[in-house]
């Protein structure tokens, strides 16, 4: 039977984890067994640069945190060696980095994730990873708006040119 002090520490860990998961924009659960220390170090570095918090947390503690915030579906994948990546900055960064790493390392498996308060399966995490970065999407929208405006400006200029040709011909006659 754990002492009251140990039990209190674990309850505090669960509460903090639940708060982090609830306030996060997205998160991904992965099975990290079979990867080398060098690969793990590189992965952690890439995640840190993107502002993603990555940690190995006991499955029982993660399960209790999931129960608190309503992510009970995640309990189905909480077995074996599980790590959790949480992103507070954007919805896709954790999924992108972990999916790219999983494609290069067959032992590294994406289990599930969550985004915007909802649970997604491994396929959902991969679909999330396929979404372009926010800056790329903004660039595409701006390009679309800009090309429409250019088209409109060219059409107006063509009308002006045609009218000025007609006026020039009338002036000559």
Protein backbone atom coordinates (compact mmCIF):
# COMPACT_ATOMS: atom_id res chain seq x y z
CA UNK A 1 0.00 0.00 0.00
CA UNK A 2 1.55 3.34 -1.04
CA UNK A 3 2.12 5.92 1.63
CA UNK A 4 -0.05 9.01 1.82
CA UNK A 5 2.85 11.13 0.58
CA UNK A 6 3.40 8.97 -2.55
CA UNK A 7 -0.33 8.88 -3.22
CA UNK A 8 -0.51 12.68 -2.93
CA UNK A 9 2.43 13.07 -5.37
CA UNK A 10 0.75 10.80 -7.92
CA UNK A 11 -2.55 12.69 -7.59
CA UNK A 12 -0.67 15.94 -8.21
CA UNK A 13 1.02 14.45 -11.32
CA UNK A 14 -2.36 13.29 -12.65
CA UNK A 15 -3.92 16.71 -12.03
CA UNK A 16 -1.06 18.52 -13.79
CA UNK A 17 -1.15 16.09 -16.72
CA UNK A 18 -4.92 16.48 -17.05
CA UNK A 19 -4.57 20.28 -17.03
CA UNK A 20 -1.85 20.15 -19.70
CA UNK A 21 -3.86 17.82 -21.91
CA UNK A 22 -7.05 19.85 -21.54
CA UNK A 23 -5.39 23.17 -22.38
CA UNK A 24 -3.29 21.76 -25.25
CA UNK A 25 -4.22 22.38 -28.87
CA UNK A 26 -3.24 18.80 -29.72
CA UNK A 27 -1.41 15.75 -28.47
CA UNK A 28 -0.13 12.43 -29.77
CA UNK A 29 0.47 9.12 -27.99
CA UNK A 30 3.24 6.91 -29.40
CA UNK A 31 4.89 3.56 -28.73
CA UNK A 32 8.60 4.32 -28.65
CA UNK A 33 10.10 0.89 -28.00
CA UNK A 34 13.02 -0.16 -30.15
CA UNK A 35 14.42 3.27 -31.01
CA UNK A 36 18.00 4.15 -30.25
CA UNK A 37 19.09 6.77 -27.74
CA UNK A 38 20.53 8.88 -30.58
CA UNK A 39 17.22 8.77 -32.48
CA UNK A 40 15.28 9.59 -29.32
CA UNK A 41 17.58 12.54 -28.58
CA UNK A 42 17.14 13.90 -32.13
CA UNK A 43 13.36 13.45 -31.91
CA UNK A 44 13.19 15.27 -28.58
CA UNK A 45 15.30 18.10 -30.01
CA UNK A 46 13.02 18.48 -33.05
CA UNK A 47 9.93 18.49 -30.84
CA UNK A 48 11.44 21.04 -28.45
CA UNK A 49 12.27 23.38 -31.37
CA UNK A 50 8.62 23.21 -32.45
CA UNK A 51 7.41 23.98 -28.93
CA UNK A 52 6.09 20.46 -28.31
CA UNK A 53 6.40 18.93 -24.85
CA UNK A 54 7.36 15.23 -25.03
CA UNK A 55 7.49 12.91 -22.03
CA UNK A 56 7.12 9.30 -20.98
CA UNK A 57 4.36 9.03 -18.41
CA UNK A 58 3.12 5.87 -16.74
CA UNK A 59 0.07 4.44 -18.47
CA UNK A 60 -1.93 4.33 -15.23
CA UNK A 61 -1.32 8.03 -14.58
CA UNK A 62 -2.15 8.94 -18.18
CA UNK A 63 -5.31 6.83 -17.97
CA UNK A 64 -6.47 8.64 -14.84
CA UNK A 65 -5.79 12.02 -16.48
CA UNK A 66 -7.77 10.91 -19.55
CA UNK A 67 -10.70 9.93 -17.32
CA UNK A 68 -10.69 13.36 -15.68
CA UNK A 69 -10.87 15.30 -18.97
CA UNK A 70 -13.17 12.97 -20.88
CA UNK A 71 -10.60 11.29 -23.17
CA UNK A 72 -11.57 7.75 -22.06
CA UNK A 73 -11.12 6.44 -25.63
CA UNK A 74 -7.37 6.94 -25.25
CA UNK A 75 -7.32 4.31 -22.49
CA UNK A 76 -7.66 1.64 -25.22
CA UNK A 77 -4.13 2.37 -26.48
CA UNK A 78 -2.44 2.77 -23.10
CA UNK A 79 -0.37 -0.39 -23.01
CA UNK A 80 3.31 -1.04 -23.49
CA UNK A 81 5.81 1.78 -23.71
CA UNK A 82 3.87 5.00 -24.23
CA UNK A 83 5.10 8.56 -24.65
CA UNK A 84 2.96 11.66 -24.91
CA UNK A 85 3.67 14.73 -27.05
CA UNK A 86 1.63 17.84 -26.27
CA UNK A 87 1.52 20.95 -28.43
CA UNK A 88 0.25 24.25 -27.06
CA UNK A 89 1.30 26.26 -30.11
CA UNK A 90 -0.54 24.67 -33.02
CA UNK A 91 -2.61 21.64 -33.91
CA UNK A 92 -0.30 19.98 -36.44
CA UNK A 93 3.33 20.34 -35.30
CA UNK A 94 3.42 17.31 -32.96
CA UNK A 95 1.61 15.11 -35.48
CA UNK A 96 3.92 16.20 -38.34
CA UNK A 97 7.16 15.59 -36.47
CA UNK A 98 6.09 12.26 -34.97
CA UNK A 99 4.57 11.00 -38.23
CA UNK A 100 7.77 11.83 -40.14
CA UNK A 101 9.81 10.04 -37.47
CA UNK A 102 7.47 7.01 -37.55
CA UNK A 103 7.86 6.73 -41.34
CA UNK A 104 11.64 6.49 -40.92
CA UNK A 105 11.57 4.15 -37.88
CA UNK A 106 9.39 1.07 -38.19
CA UNK A 107 9.48 0.32 -34.44
CA UNK A 108 8.09 3.75 -33.58
CA UNK A 109 4.28 3.53 -33.74
CA UNK A 110 1.68 6.28 -33.48
CA UNK A 111 -1.12 5.02 -31.23
CA UNK A 112 -3.68 7.83 -31.11
CA UNK A 113 -4.06 11.50 -30.33
CA UNK A 114 -6.35 14.38 -29.55
CA UNK A 115 -7.07 17.72 -31.12
CA UNK A 116 -9.51 20.50 -30.22
CA UNK A 117 -10.98 18.53 -27.33
CA UNK A 118 -11.64 15.35 -29.32
CA UNK A 119 -9.87 12.00 -29.53
CA UNK A 120 -8.52 10.76 -32.87
CA UNK A 121 -7.07 7.39 -33.85
CA UNK A 122 -3.69 6.75 -35.52
CA UNK A 123 -5.17 7.36 -38.97
CA UNK A 124 -6.53 10.70 -37.73
CA UNK A 125 -3.08 11.67 -36.47
CA UNK A 126 -1.60 10.82 -39.89
CA UNK A 127 -4.31 12.88 -41.61
CA UNK A 128 -3.56 15.76 -39.24
CA UNK A 129 0.13 15.48 -40.14
CA UNK A 130 -0.74 15.81 -43.83
CA UNK A 131 -2.24 19.28 -43.32
CA UNK A 132 0.15 22.01 -44.47
CA UNK A 133 1.62 24.35 -41.89
CA UNK A 134 -0.35 27.46 -40.90
CA UNK A 135 2.06 29.75 -42.77
CA UNK A 136 1.66 27.72 -45.98
CA UNK A 137 -2.14 27.83 -45.73
CA UNK A 138 -2.08 31.59 -45.17
CA UNK A 139 0.24 31.97 -48.16
CA UNK A 140 -2.13 29.96 -50.36
CA UNK A 141 -5.12 32.04 -49.30
CA UNK A 142 -3.23 35.28 -49.89
CA UNK A 143 -2.09 34.03 -53.30
CA UNK A 144 -5.66 33.18 -54.24
CA UNK A 145 -6.92 36.58 -53.15
CA UNK A 146 -4.06 38.34 -54.89
CA UNK A 147 -4.57 36.49 -58.19
CA UNK A 148 -8.28 37.38 -58.14
CA UNK A 149 -7.42 41.04 -57.59
CA UNK A 150 -4.85 40.97 -60.39
CA UNK A 151 -7.43 39.44 -62.73
CA UNK A 152 -9.91 42.14 -61.81
CA UNK A 153 -7.30 44.89 -62.32
CA UNK A 154 -6.35 43.49 -65.76
CA UNK A 155 -10.02 43.39 -66.79
CA UNK A 156 -10.55 47.01 -65.72
CA UNK A 157 -7.37 48.06 -67.53
CA UNK A 158 -8.56 46.28 -70.71
CA UNK A 159 -11.86 48.17 -70.57
CA UNK A 160 -10.03 51.47 -70.08
CA UNK A 161 -7.65 50.69 -72.96
CA UNK A 162 -10.56 49.77 -75.26
CA UNK A 163 -12.46 52.96 -74.38
CA UNK A 164 -9.39 55.13 -74.89
CA UNK A 165 -8.83 53.49 -78.33
CA UNK A 166 -12.41 54.32 -79.30
CA UNK A 167 -11.98 57.91 -78.14
CA UNK A 168 -8.69 58.22 -80.03
CA UNK A 169 -10.34 56.94 -83.26
CA UNK A 170 -13.27 59.34 -82.81
CA UNK A 171 -10.86 62.24 -82.28
CA UNK A 172 -8.99 61.38 -85.49
CA UNK A 173 -12.15 61.23 -87.58
